[in-house]
Amino acid sequence: MQVAKDIPSAVRSMNGAGDPAAPMNMEVACEKVGVLVRQNAVVVFTISGCCMCHVVKQLLFGLGVGPTVVELDRDASGGDIHALLLRLSVGGKRQQVVPAVFVGGKYLGGIETVMSCHINGTLVPLLKNAGALWL
């Protein structure tokens, strides 16, 4: 199981190309995401109406987890956070940016990673270690 990329490394990996304001926006998004994931055992970044986001939320709710959910299309910083999540999710293969799940302050991954962890039995222990479950 590949767990956890840290958020600051995504910002440090930015090259100088593109919009000159982008690095500042990315730093603000990084700080906002960092605060959320440090203060909450489980955070899920979603887009309202996304069926895969719904599946992840329902799985977590069904396990007894009350994740903090941030709907990017309804958040003022949603576009910048989405760009940050894109940097975190790129890992050798193209995958969807949302849902993006953080457990215990670290980026776990998207739907494929969460479902894989659930099927192979590593999700519940991960949630317990993060303090999201008390079973």
C-alpha atoms as a PDB file:
ATOM      1  CA  MET A   1       0.000   0.000   0.000  1.00  0.00           C
ATOM      2  CA  GLN A   2       1.377   3.375  -0.957  1.00  0.00           C
ATOM      3  CA  VAL A   3       0.440   5.747   1.800  1.00  0.00           C
ATOM      4  CA  ALA A   4       1.102   9.329   2.087  1.00  0.00           C
ATOM      5  CA  LYS A   5       2.759  11.974   0.173  1.00  0.00           C
ATOM      6  CA  ASP A   6       3.207  15.147   2.133  1.00  0.00           C
ATOM      7  CA  ILE A   7       1.659  18.358   0.904  1.00  0.00           C
ATOM      8  CA  PRO A   8       4.722  20.644   0.958  1.00  0.00           C
ATOM      9  CA  SER A   9       6.592  18.360  -1.446  1.00  0.00           C
ATOM     10  CA  ALA A  10       3.890  18.984  -4.038  1.00  0.00           C
ATOM     11  CA  VAL A  11       4.489  22.721  -3.802  1.00  0.00           C
ATOM     12  CA  ARG A  12       8.292  22.357  -3.855  1.00  0.00           C
ATOM     13  CA  SER A  13       8.041  20.252  -7.006  1.00  0.00           C
ATOM     14  CA  MET A  14       6.475  23.106  -8.964  1.00  0.00           C
ATOM     15  CA  ASN A  15       8.595  24.428 -11.771  1.00  0.00           C
ATOM     16  CA  GLY A  16       8.738  28.084 -12.660  1.00  0.00           C
ATOM     17  CA  ALA A  17       6.570  27.738 -15.752  1.00  0.00           C
ATOM     18  CA  GLY A  18       3.094  29.132 -16.062  1.00  0.00           C
ATOM     19  CA  ASP A  19       1.261  31.890 -14.286  1.00  0.00           C
ATOM     20  CA  PRO A  20       3.523  33.927 -11.982  1.00  0.00           C
ATOM     21  CA  ALA A  21       0.710  34.097  -9.409  1.00  0.00           C
ATOM     22  CA  ALA A  22       0.306  30.306  -9.411  1.00  0.00           C
ATOM     23  CA  PRO A  23       3.051  29.555  -6.849  1.00  0.00           C
ATOM     24  CA  MET A  24       1.502  31.983  -4.353  1.00  0.00           C
ATOM     25  CA  ASN A  25      -1.971  30.511  -4.887  1.00  0.00           C
ATOM     26  CA  MET A  26      -0.478  27.031  -4.544  1.00  0.00           C
ATOM     27  CA  GLU A  27       1.172  28.003  -1.246  1.00  0.00           C
ATOM     28  CA  VAL A  28      -2.129  29.353   0.083  1.00  0.00           C
ATOM     29  CA  ALA A  29      -3.907  26.169  -1.008  1.00  0.00           C
ATOM     30  CA  CYS A  30      -1.125  24.099   0.552  1.00  0.00           C
ATOM     31  CA  GLU A  31      -1.529  25.911   3.866  1.00  0.00           C
ATOM     32  CA  LYS A  32      -5.317  25.526   3.841  1.00  0.00           C
ATOM     33  CA  VAL A  33      -5.130  21.820   3.034  1.00  0.00           C
ATOM     34  CA  GLY A  34      -2.331  21.355   5.570  1.00  0.00           C
ATOM     35  CA  VAL A  35      -4.396  22.876   8.366  1.00  0.00           C
ATOM     36  CA  LEU A  36      -7.420  20.746   7.470  1.00  0.00           C
ATOM     37  CA  VAL A  37      -5.508  17.465   7.355  1.00  0.00           C
ATOM     38  CA  ARG A  38      -3.593  18.189  10.568  1.00  0.00           C
ATOM     39  CA  GLN A  39      -6.761  19.029  12.499  1.00  0.00           C
ATOM     40  CA  ASN A  40      -8.931  16.151  11.244  1.00  0.00           C
ATOM     41  CA  ALA A  41      -8.338  12.399  11.237  1.00  0.00           C
ATOM     42  CA  VAL A  42      -9.916  11.951   7.789  1.00  0.00           C
ATOM     43  CA  VAL A  43     -10.455  14.584   5.117  1.00  0.00           C
ATOM     44  CA  VAL A  44     -12.103  13.920   1.763  1.00  0.00           C
ATOM     45  CA  PHE A  45     -11.921  16.449  -1.066  1.00  0.00           C
ATOM     46  CA  THR A  46     -14.811  15.981  -3.475  1.00  0.00           C
ATOM     47  CA  ILE A  47     -16.845  17.616  -6.177  1.00  0.00           C
ATOM     48  CA  SER A  48     -20.589  17.676  -5.601  1.00  0.00           C
ATOM     49  CA  GLY A  49     -22.413  15.275  -7.879  1.00  0.00           C
ATOM     50  CA  CYS A  50     -19.354  13.063  -8.476  1.00  0.00           C
ATOM     51  CA  CYS A  51     -20.424   9.415  -8.138  1.00  0.00           C
ATOM     52  CA  MET A  52     -16.941   8.206  -7.105  1.00  0.00           C
ATOM     53  CA  CYS A  53     -16.818  10.862  -4.386  1.00  0.00           C
ATOM     54  CA  HIS A  54     -20.202   9.646  -3.167  1.00  0.00           C
ATOM     55  CA  VAL A  55     -18.931   6.045  -3.037  1.00  0.00           C
ATOM     56  CA  VAL A  56     -15.901   6.985  -0.919  1.00  0.00           C
ATOM     57  CA  LYS A  57     -17.989   9.077   1.468  1.00  0.00           C
ATOM     58  CA  GLN A  58     -20.562   6.286   1.868  1.00  0.00           C
ATOM     59  CA  LEU A  59     -17.833   3.712   2.507  1.00  0.00           C
ATOM     60  CA  LEU A  60     -16.290   5.854   5.234  1.00  0.00           C
ATOM     61  CA  PHE A  61     -19.675   6.681   6.782  1.00  0.00           C
ATOM     62  CA  GLY A  62     -20.571   2.962   6.656  1.00  0.00           C
ATOM     63  CA  LEU A  63     -17.401   2.095   8.567  1.00  0.00           C
ATOM     64  CA  GLY A  64     -18.353   4.611  11.249  1.00  0.00           C
ATOM     65  CA  VAL A  65     -15.971   7.376  10.205  1.00  0.00           C
ATOM     66  CA  GLY A  66     -17.120  10.992  10.169  1.00  0.00           C
ATOM     67  CA  PRO A  67     -14.756  12.526   7.622  1.00  0.00           C
ATOM     68  CA  THR A  68     -14.364  16.223   7.039  1.00  0.00           C
ATOM     69  CA  VAL A  69     -15.687  16.730   3.508  1.00  0.00           C
ATOM     70  CA  VAL A  70     -14.632  19.663   1.323  1.00  0.00           C
ATOM     71  CA  GLU A  71     -16.575  20.100  -1.909  1.00  0.00           C
ATOM     72  CA  LEU A  72     -14.159  21.891  -4.206  1.00  0.00           C
ATOM     73  CA  ASP A  73     -16.847  23.290  -6.503  1.00  0.00           C
ATOM     74  CA  ARG A  74     -18.410  25.023  -3.493  1.00  0.00           C
ATOM     75  CA  ASP A  75     -15.193  26.297  -1.883  1.00  0.00           C
ATOM     76  CA  ALA A  76     -13.641  29.683  -2.711  1.00  0.00           C
ATOM     77  CA  SER A  77     -10.182  28.082  -2.912  1.00  0.00           C
ATOM     78  CA  GLY A  78     -11.471  25.024  -4.751  1.00  0.00           C
ATOM     79  CA  GLY A  79      -9.593  25.653  -7.994  1.00  0.00           C
ATOM     80  CA  ASP A  80      -6.255  26.121  -6.261  1.00  0.00           C
ATOM     81  CA  ILE A  81      -6.831  23.098  -4.014  1.00  0.00           C
ATOM     82  CA  HIS A  82      -7.760  21.063  -7.095  1.00  0.00           C
ATOM     83  CA  ALA A  83      -4.441  22.052  -8.725  1.00  0.00           C
ATOM     84  CA  LEU A  84      -2.567  20.993  -5.573  1.00  0.00           C
ATOM     85  CA  LEU A  85      -4.398  17.665  -5.471  1.00  0.00           C
ATOM     86  CA  LEU A  86      -3.517  17.092  -9.117  1.00  0.00           C
ATOM     87  CA  ARG A  87       0.163  17.387  -8.171  1.00  0.00           C
ATOM     88  CA  LEU A  88      -0.292  14.913  -5.307  1.00  0.00           C
ATOM     89  CA  SER A  89      -2.248  12.388  -7.371  1.00  0.00           C
ATOM     90  CA  VAL A  90       0.228  12.148 -10.242  1.00  0.00           C
ATOM     91  CA  GLY A  91       2.336   9.096  -9.521  1.00  0.00           C
ATOM     92  CA  GLY A  92       3.377   7.414 -12.710  1.00  0.00           C
ATOM     93  CA  LYS A  93      -0.161   6.887 -13.964  1.00  0.00           C
ATOM     94  CA  ARG A  94      -3.082   9.135 -14.710  1.00  0.00           C
ATOM     95  CA  GLN A  95      -5.808   8.988 -12.141  1.00  0.00           C
ATOM     96  CA  GLN A  96      -8.767  11.057 -11.071  1.00  0.00           C
ATOM     97  CA  VAL A  97      -8.029  13.975  -8.768  1.00  0.00           C
ATOM     98  CA  VAL A  98     -11.196  13.563  -6.701  1.00  0.00           C
ATOM     99  CA  PRO A  99     -12.061  12.037  -4.445  1.00  0.00           C
ATOM    100  CA  ALA A 100      -8.810  12.784  -2.628  1.00  0.00           C
ATOM    101  CA  VAL A 101      -8.588  11.131   0.781  1.00  0.00           C
ATOM    102  CA  PHE A 102      -6.226  12.115   3.585  1.00  0.00           C
ATOM    103  CA  VAL A 103      -5.911   9.877   6.640  1.00  0.00           C
ATOM    104  CA  GLY A 104      -3.866  10.784   9.678  1.00  0.00           C
ATOM    105  CA  GLY A 105      -2.484  13.919   8.037  1.00  0.00           C
ATOM    106  CA  LYS A 106      -1.190  12.117   4.937  1.00  0.00           C
ATOM    107  CA  TYR A 107      -2.474  11.747   1.412  1.00  0.00           C
ATOM    108  CA  LEU A 108      -3.834   8.221   1.008  1.00  0.00           C
ATOM    109  CA  GLY A 109      -5.125   8.556  -2.546  1.00  0.00           C
ATOM    110  CA  GLY A 110      -8.281   8.372  -4.574  1.00  0.00           C
ATOM    111  CA  ILE A 111     -11.044   5.862  -5.126  1.00  0.00           C
ATOM    112  CA  GLU A 112      -8.759   3.075  -6.358  1.00  0.00           C
ATOM    113  CA  THR A 113      -6.432   3.300  -3.363  1.00  0.00           C
ATOM    114  CA  VAL A 114      -9.233   3.555  -0.813  1.00  0.00           C
ATOM    115  CA  MET A 115     -11.107   0.595  -2.297  1.00  0.00           C
ATOM    116  CA  SER A 116      -7.920  -1.431  -2.576  1.00  0.00           C
ATOM    117  CA  CYS A 117      -7.131  -0.767   1.091  1.00  0.00           C
ATOM    118  CA  HIS A 118     -10.680  -1.692   2.045  1.00  0.00           C
ATOM    119  CA  ILE A 119     -10.590  -4.965   0.091  1.00  0.00           C
ATOM    120  CA  ASN A 120      -7.158  -6.038   1.341  1.00  0.00           C
ATOM    121  CA  GLY A 121      -8.055  -5.208   4.956  1.00  0.00           C
ATOM    122  CA  THR A 122      -5.641  -2.324   5.553  1.00  0.00           C
ATOM    123  CA  LEU A 123      -8.153   0.532   5.580  1.00  0.00           C
ATOM    124  CA  VAL A 124      -9.688  -0.117   9.011  1.00  0.00           C
ATOM    125  CA  PRO A 125      -6.311  -0.385  10.797  1.00  0.00           C
ATOM    126  CA  LEU A 126      -5.197   2.798   9.048  1.00  0.00           C
ATOM    127  CA  LEU A 127      -8.336   4.580  10.229  1.00  0.00           C
ATOM    128  CA  LYS A 128      -7.853   3.247  13.765  1.00  0.00           C
ATOM    129  CA  ASN A 129      -4.243   4.453  13.856  1.00  0.00           C
ATOM    130  CA  ALA A 130      -5.386   7.898  12.742  1.00  0.00           C
ATOM    131  CA  GLY A 131      -7.972   8.059  15.530  1.00  0.00           C
ATOM    132  CA  ALA A 132     -10.935   7.975  13.170  1.00  0.00           C
ATOM    133  CA  LEU A 133     -12.270   4.674  14.562  1.00  0.00           C
ATOM    134  CA  TRP A 134     -12.398   3.382  18.111  1.00  0.00           C
ATOM    135  CA  LEU A 135     -13.360  -0.245  17.435  1.00  0.00           C
END
